[in-house]
Amino acid sequence: MNRIVVDQTLRTRLQNLDARLEFCDEAGAVLGYFVPASERRRLLYEWARGQFNDDELAKARAQSGGFSLAEILAELPQS
């Protein structure tokens, strides 16, 4: 991913980057969107919570077994 460093002048023009922004070219065509990191995090957590209902979560928590970290690491190829 490319990184752009935003100086204070640009940050001011972009409304301090604390709200969603739509980037357009001179003709008005949408180029992309900006979502602040805090809102992106909130949206991701909201999406993740919606992937499982309470019954599914309770069932997963009640399951036992699996592998320890040591067992998993022992199975990984050595480099």
Protein backbone atom coordinates (compact mmCIF):
# COMPACT_ATOMS: atom_id res chain seq x y z
CA MET A 1 0.00 0.00 0.00
CA ASN A 2 1.26 3.46 -0.80
CA ARG A 3 1.54 6.03 1.96
CA ILE A 4 0.84 9.74 1.71
CA VAL A 5 2.05 12.05 4.47
CA VAL A 6 -0.57 14.71 5.17
CA ASP A 7 0.86 18.05 6.30
CA GLN A 8 -1.16 20.49 8.40
CA THR A 9 -2.29 22.54 5.37
CA LEU A 10 -3.77 19.52 3.61
CA ARG A 11 -5.18 18.20 6.89
CA THR A 12 -7.08 21.48 7.32
CA ARG A 13 -8.42 21.29 3.75
CA LEU A 14 -9.59 17.73 4.45
CA GLN A 15 -11.63 18.82 7.50
CA ASN A 16 -9.00 17.48 9.92
CA LEU A 17 -9.65 13.93 8.65
CA ASP A 18 -12.24 13.25 11.36
CA ALA A 19 -15.14 12.42 9.02
CA ARG A 20 -15.73 10.28 5.96
CA LEU A 21 -14.59 11.96 2.77
CA GLU A 22 -15.33 11.37 -0.90
CA PHE A 23 -12.49 12.18 -3.28
CA CYS A 24 -13.51 13.35 -6.77
CA ASP A 25 -11.69 14.63 -9.83
CA GLU A 26 -12.38 18.00 -11.47
CA ALA A 27 -15.26 16.48 -13.46
CA GLY A 28 -16.94 15.15 -10.31
CA ALA A 29 -16.10 11.48 -10.90
CA VAL A 30 -15.54 9.63 -7.65
CA LEU A 31 -11.94 8.53 -7.21
CA GLY A 32 -12.25 6.95 -3.79
CA TYR A 33 -13.29 7.31 -0.20
CA PHE A 34 -11.57 8.02 3.09
CA VAL A 35 -12.78 6.57 6.38
CA PRO A 36 -11.04 7.70 9.60
CA ALA A 37 -9.14 4.92 11.41
CA SER A 38 -11.40 5.06 14.47
CA GLU A 39 -14.53 4.68 12.36
CA ARG A 40 -12.99 1.91 10.26
CA ARG A 41 -12.17 0.00 13.42
CA ARG A 42 -15.73 0.46 14.69
CA LEU A 43 -17.17 -0.73 11.37
CA LEU A 44 -14.94 -3.80 11.32
CA TYR A 45 -15.93 -4.78 14.86
CA GLU A 46 -19.59 -4.21 14.02
CA TRP A 47 -19.25 -6.44 10.95
CA ALA A 48 -17.43 -9.15 12.93
CA ARG A 49 -20.08 -9.17 15.68
CA GLY A 50 -22.72 -9.73 13.01
CA GLN A 51 -21.03 -12.85 11.67
CA PHE A 52 -22.09 -15.08 14.59
CA ASN A 53 -25.17 -15.18 16.74
CA ASP A 54 -25.10 -15.66 20.53
CA ASP A 55 -25.85 -19.39 20.28
CA GLU A 56 -22.94 -19.97 17.90
CA LEU A 57 -20.58 -18.05 20.18
CA ALA A 58 -21.72 -19.99 23.26
CA LYS A 59 -21.23 -23.30 21.41
CA ALA A 60 -17.72 -22.31 20.30
CA ARG A 61 -16.78 -21.24 23.84
CA ALA A 62 -18.02 -24.55 25.24
CA GLN A 63 -15.91 -26.67 22.89
CA SER A 64 -12.78 -28.21 24.30
CA GLY A 65 -9.78 -29.72 22.62
CA GLY A 66 -7.68 -28.28 19.89
CA PHE A 67 -3.92 -27.87 19.89
CA SER A 68 -1.57 -25.95 22.13
CA LEU A 69 0.66 -23.27 20.68
CA ALA A 70 3.66 -25.53 21.27
CA GLU A 71 2.01 -28.30 19.24
CA ILE A 72 1.21 -25.93 16.39
CA LEU A 73 4.73 -24.52 16.33
CA ALA A 74 6.20 -28.03 16.34
CA GLU A 75 4.27 -28.83 13.15
CA LEU A 76 5.46 -25.75 11.25
CA PRO A 77 8.38 -26.17 8.86
CA GLN A 78 11.69 -24.96 10.26
CA SER A 79 13.42 -22.24 8.25
